[in-house]
Amino acid sequence: MLNQKLIKTLSAQLGELFEGGRGLPGQAAVRQQVRSVLQSSFARLDLVTREEFDAQAAVLGRTREKVEQLERKLSEIEQRLSKGRTE
């Protein structure tokens, strides 16, 4: 899930913008409504955290290395097989 600190910060900033200052009547309610809207909007976007993205990028990098190793091995095997046929 998206970082709760980001949601709280955005909702606080938007709450201040809509209310024009601190300590006004209804500000807490507006802030809570903004937080709820942000959470539901971000949930629909199916976002991932930076940590999740970095972890998947690392997995992809390791997978790519393994595929390259396997391709080199396959090429070597194919070369040996083709040499065996010509001899």
N, C-alpha and C. Protein backbone atom coordinates (compact mmCIF):
# COMPACT_ATOMS: atom_id res chain seq x y z
N MET A 1 0.85 -1.19 0.00
CA MET A 1 0.00 0.00 0.00
C MET A 1 0.88 1.23 0.00
N LEU A 2 0.33 2.31 -0.46
CA LEU A 2 1.05 3.56 -0.55
C LEU A 2 1.42 4.08 0.83
N ASN A 3 2.51 4.74 0.90
CA ASN A 3 3.04 5.28 2.15
C ASN A 3 2.00 6.16 2.84
N GLN A 4 1.65 5.79 4.07
CA GLN A 4 0.64 6.54 4.82
C GLN A 4 1.11 7.95 5.13
N LYS A 5 2.41 8.15 5.29
CA LYS A 5 2.94 9.49 5.57
C LYS A 5 2.64 10.42 4.40
N LEU A 6 2.79 9.91 3.17
CA LEU A 6 2.50 10.72 1.98
C LEU A 6 1.03 11.13 1.96
N ILE A 7 0.16 10.19 2.26
CA ILE A 7 -1.27 10.50 2.25
C ILE A 7 -1.60 11.53 3.32
N LYS A 8 -1.03 11.38 4.52
CA LYS A 8 -1.29 12.35 5.59
C LYS A 8 -0.77 13.73 5.22
N THR A 9 0.41 13.79 4.62
CA THR A 9 0.98 15.07 4.23
C THR A 9 0.13 15.75 3.17
N LEU A 10 -0.25 15.00 2.14
CA LEU A 10 -1.10 15.57 1.08
C LEU A 10 -2.44 16.04 1.62
N SER A 11 -3.04 15.21 2.47
CA SER A 11 -4.36 15.60 2.99
C SER A 11 -4.24 16.82 3.89
N ALA A 12 -3.18 16.93 4.67
CA ALA A 12 -2.98 18.11 5.52
C ALA A 12 -2.80 19.36 4.68
N GLN A 13 -2.00 19.26 3.63
CA GLN A 13 -1.78 20.42 2.77
C GLN A 13 -3.06 20.83 2.05
N LEU A 14 -3.79 19.86 1.55
CA LEU A 14 -5.05 20.19 0.88
C LEU A 14 -6.08 20.72 1.87
N GLY A 15 -6.09 20.17 3.07
CA GLY A 15 -7.01 20.67 4.09
C GLY A 15 -6.73 22.12 4.42
N GLU A 16 -5.46 22.48 4.54
CA GLU A 16 -5.09 23.87 4.81
C GLU A 16 -5.47 24.78 3.64
N LEU A 17 -5.28 24.27 2.45
CA LEU A 17 -5.62 25.06 1.27
C LEU A 17 -7.12 25.36 1.22
N PHE A 18 -7.93 24.32 1.47
CA PHE A 18 -9.38 24.50 1.41
C PHE A 18 -9.91 25.35 2.56
N GLU A 19 -9.30 25.26 3.70
CA GLU A 19 -9.79 25.98 4.86
C GLU A 19 -9.14 27.35 5.02
N GLY A 20 -8.01 27.57 4.37
CA GLY A 20 -7.36 28.88 4.45
C GLY A 20 -6.60 29.14 5.73
N GLY A 21 -6.40 28.16 6.55
CA GLY A 21 -5.64 28.37 7.78
C GLY A 21 -5.85 27.26 8.76
N ARG A 22 -5.22 27.41 9.91
CA ARG A 22 -5.30 26.38 10.95
C ARG A 22 -6.37 26.72 11.99
N GLY A 23 -6.94 25.69 12.55
CA GLY A 23 -7.85 25.86 13.67
C GLY A 23 -9.24 26.37 13.32
N LEU A 24 -9.62 26.31 12.09
CA LEU A 24 -10.95 26.77 11.70
C LEU A 24 -11.97 25.66 11.92
N PRO A 25 -13.21 26.01 12.16
CA PRO A 25 -14.26 25.00 12.36
C PRO A 25 -14.40 24.11 11.12
N GLY A 26 -14.48 22.82 11.33
CA GLY A 26 -14.67 21.90 10.22
C GLY A 26 -13.39 21.46 9.54
N GLN A 27 -12.27 22.02 9.95
CA GLN A 27 -11.01 21.69 9.29
C GLN A 27 -10.67 20.21 9.45
N ALA A 28 -10.88 19.67 10.62
CA ALA A 28 -10.57 18.26 10.85
C ALA A 28 -11.43 17.36 9.97
N ALA A 29 -12.70 17.72 9.81
CA ALA A 29 -13.59 16.93 8.96
C ALA A 29 -13.14 16.98 7.51
N VAL A 30 -12.77 18.18 7.04
CA VAL A 30 -12.30 18.32 5.65
C VAL A 30 -11.03 17.51 5.46
N ARG A 31 -10.12 17.61 6.41
CA ARG A 31 -8.86 16.87 6.33
C ARG A 31 -9.13 15.36 6.25
N GLN A 32 -10.06 14.87 7.06
CA GLN A 32 -10.39 13.44 7.04
C GLN A 32 -11.02 13.05 5.70
N GLN A 33 -11.88 13.89 5.18
CA GLN A 33 -12.51 13.60 3.89
C GLN A 33 -11.47 13.58 2.77
N VAL A 34 -10.54 14.53 2.80
CA VAL A 34 -9.48 14.58 1.79
C VAL A 34 -8.62 13.33 1.89
N ARG A 35 -8.29 12.93 3.11
CA ARG A 35 -7.48 11.72 3.32
C ARG A 35 -8.20 10.50 2.75
N SER A 36 -9.49 10.40 2.99
CA SER A 36 -10.27 9.26 2.48
C SER A 36 -10.30 9.25 0.95
N VAL A 37 -10.49 10.42 0.36
CA VAL A 37 -10.51 10.52 -1.10
C VAL A 37 -9.16 10.13 -1.68
N LEU A 38 -8.08 10.61 -1.07
CA LEU A 38 -6.74 10.28 -1.55
C LEU A 38 -6.48 8.78 -1.45
N GLN A 39 -6.82 8.19 -0.32
CA GLN A 39 -6.59 6.76 -0.15
C GLN A 39 -7.35 5.94 -1.17
N SER A 40 -8.60 6.26 -1.39
CA SER A 40 -9.38 5.49 -2.36
C SER A 40 -8.89 5.73 -3.79
N SER A 41 -8.48 6.95 -4.08
CA SER A 41 -7.95 7.24 -5.43
C SER A 41 -6.64 6.50 -5.67
N PHE A 42 -5.74 6.52 -4.70
CA PHE A 42 -4.47 5.82 -4.86
C PHE A 42 -4.68 4.31 -4.91
N ALA A 43 -5.65 3.80 -4.18
CA ALA A 43 -5.92 2.35 -4.20
C ALA A 43 -6.40 1.92 -5.58
N ARG A 44 -7.21 2.74 -6.23
CA ARG A 44 -7.68 2.41 -7.57
C ARG A 44 -6.57 2.46 -8.60
N LEU A 45 -5.56 3.26 -8.35
CA LEU A 45 -4.45 3.37 -9.31
C LEU A 45 -3.52 2.17 -9.26
N ASP A 46 -3.64 1.33 -8.24
CA ASP A 46 -2.82 0.13 -8.10
C ASP A 46 -1.34 0.48 -8.14
N LEU A 47 -0.96 1.44 -7.31
CA LEU A 47 0.43 1.89 -7.24
C LEU A 47 1.25 0.96 -6.35
N VAL A 48 2.56 0.96 -6.57
CA VAL A 48 3.47 0.22 -5.71
C VAL A 48 4.43 1.20 -5.07
N THR A 49 5.00 0.78 -3.95
CA THR A 49 5.98 1.64 -3.29
C THR A 49 7.31 1.56 -4.03
N ARG A 50 8.18 2.49 -3.74
CA ARG A 50 9.51 2.50 -4.35
C ARG A 50 10.27 1.24 -3.97
N GLU A 51 10.11 0.80 -2.71
CA GLU A 51 10.79 -0.41 -2.26
C GLU A 51 10.33 -1.63 -3.05
N GLU A 52 9.02 -1.73 -3.29
CA GLU A 52 8.50 -2.85 -4.08
C GLU A 52 9.02 -2.79 -5.51
N PHE A 53 9.06 -1.60 -6.08
CA PHE A 53 9.57 -1.43 -7.44
C PHE A 53 11.03 -1.83 -7.52
N ASP A 54 11.84 -1.35 -6.57
CA ASP A 54 13.27 -1.67 -6.57
C ASP A 54 13.50 -3.17 -6.40
N ALA A 55 12.70 -3.82 -5.55
CA ALA A 55 12.84 -5.26 -5.35
C ALA A 55 12.53 -6.01 -6.64
N GLN A 56 11.48 -5.62 -7.34
CA GLN A 56 11.13 -6.28 -8.59
C GLN A 56 12.16 -6.00 -9.68
N ALA A 57 12.73 -4.79 -9.69
CA ALA A 57 13.79 -4.47 -10.66
C ALA A 57 15.01 -5.35 -10.41
N ALA A 58 15.34 -5.60 -9.15
CA ALA A 58 16.47 -6.47 -8.83
C ALA A 58 16.20 -7.91 -9.29
N VAL A 59 14.98 -8.38 -9.05
CA VAL A 59 14.61 -9.73 -9.51
C VAL A 59 14.71 -9.81 -11.03
N LEU A 60 14.23 -8.80 -11.71
CA LEU A 60 14.31 -8.77 -13.17
C LEU A 60 15.76 -8.79 -13.64
N GLY A 61 16.62 -8.05 -12.98
CA GLY A 61 18.05 -8.03 -13.34
C GLY A 61 18.68 -9.40 -13.18
N ARG A 62 18.39 -10.08 -12.07
CA ARG A 62 18.93 -11.43 -11.87
C ARG A 62 18.38 -12.41 -12.91
N THR A 63 17.11 -12.28 -13.22
CA THR A 63 16.50 -13.15 -14.22
C THR A 63 17.13 -12.93 -15.59
N ARG A 64 17.36 -11.68 -15.92
CA ARG A 64 17.99 -11.35 -17.21
C ARG A 64 19.39 -11.96 -17.29
N GLU A 65 20.17 -11.89 -16.21
CA GLU A 65 21.50 -12.49 -16.18
C GLU A 65 21.42 -14.00 -16.39
N LYS A 66 20.46 -14.64 -15.73
CA LYS A 66 20.29 -16.09 -15.85
C LYS A 66 19.92 -16.46 -17.28
N VAL A 67 19.03 -15.71 -17.91
CA VAL A 67 18.64 -15.98 -19.29
C VAL A 67 19.85 -15.85 -20.21
N GLU A 68 20.66 -14.83 -20.01
CA GLU A 68 21.85 -14.65 -20.83
C GLU A 68 22.83 -15.81 -20.66
N GLN A 69 22.99 -16.29 -19.42
CA GLN A 69 23.85 -17.46 -19.18
C GLN A 69 23.32 -18.69 -19.91
N LEU A 70 22.02 -18.90 -19.81
CA LEU A 70 21.42 -20.05 -20.48
C LEU A 70 21.54 -19.95 -21.99
N GLU A 71 21.40 -18.74 -22.53
CA GLU A 71 21.56 -18.55 -23.98
C GLU A 71 22.98 -18.88 -24.42
N ARG A 72 23.98 -18.47 -23.62
CA ARG A 72 25.37 -18.79 -23.95
C ARG A 72 25.61 -20.31 -23.91
N LYS A 73 25.08 -20.96 -22.89
CA LYS A 73 25.23 -22.41 -22.78
C LYS A 73 24.57 -23.11 -23.96
N LEU A 74 23.38 -22.68 -24.32
CA LEU A 74 22.66 -23.28 -25.45
C LEU A 74 23.46 -23.09 -26.74
N SER A 75 24.03 -21.93 -26.92
CA SER A 75 24.83 -21.67 -28.11
C SER A 75 26.05 -22.59 -28.15
N GLU A 76 26.69 -22.78 -27.02
CA GLU A 76 27.84 -23.69 -26.96
C GLU A 76 27.43 -25.12 -27.30
N ILE A 77 26.32 -25.55 -26.76
CA ILE A 77 25.83 -26.91 -27.03
C ILE A 77 25.51 -27.06 -28.52
N GLU A 78 24.85 -26.07 -29.10
CA GLU A 78 24.52 -26.12 -30.52
C GLU A 78 25.78 -26.18 -31.38
N GLN A 79 26.81 -25.42 -31.01
CA GLN A 79 28.06 -25.43 -31.75
C GLN A 79 28.72 -26.81 -31.67
N ARG A 80 28.73 -27.41 -30.48
CA ARG A 80 29.32 -28.75 -30.32
C ARG A 80 28.56 -29.78 -31.14
N LEU A 81 27.23 -29.66 -31.14
CA LEU A 81 26.43 -30.61 -31.91
C LEU A 81 26.67 -30.45 -33.41
N SER A 82 26.78 -29.22 -33.86
CA SER A 82 26.99 -29.01 -35.31
C SER A 82 28.40 -29.47 -35.71
N LYS A 83 29.38 -29.34 -34.84
CA LYS A 83 30.75 -29.84 -35.13
C LYS A 83 30.74 -31.36 -35.17
N GLY A 84 29.98 -31.97 -34.31
CA GLY A 84 29.90 -33.44 -34.27
C GLY A 84 29.30 -34.02 -35.52
N ARG A 85 28.40 -33.32 -36.16
CA ARG A 85 27.76 -33.79 -37.39
C ARG A 85 28.68 -33.68 -38.58
N THR A 86 29.52 -32.66 -38.58
CA THR A 86 30.38 -32.44 -39.74
C THR A 86 31.62 -33.32 -39.69
N GLU A 87 31.95 -33.86 -38.57
CA GLU A 87 33.17 -34.67 -38.46
C GLU A 87 32.92 -36.10 -38.82
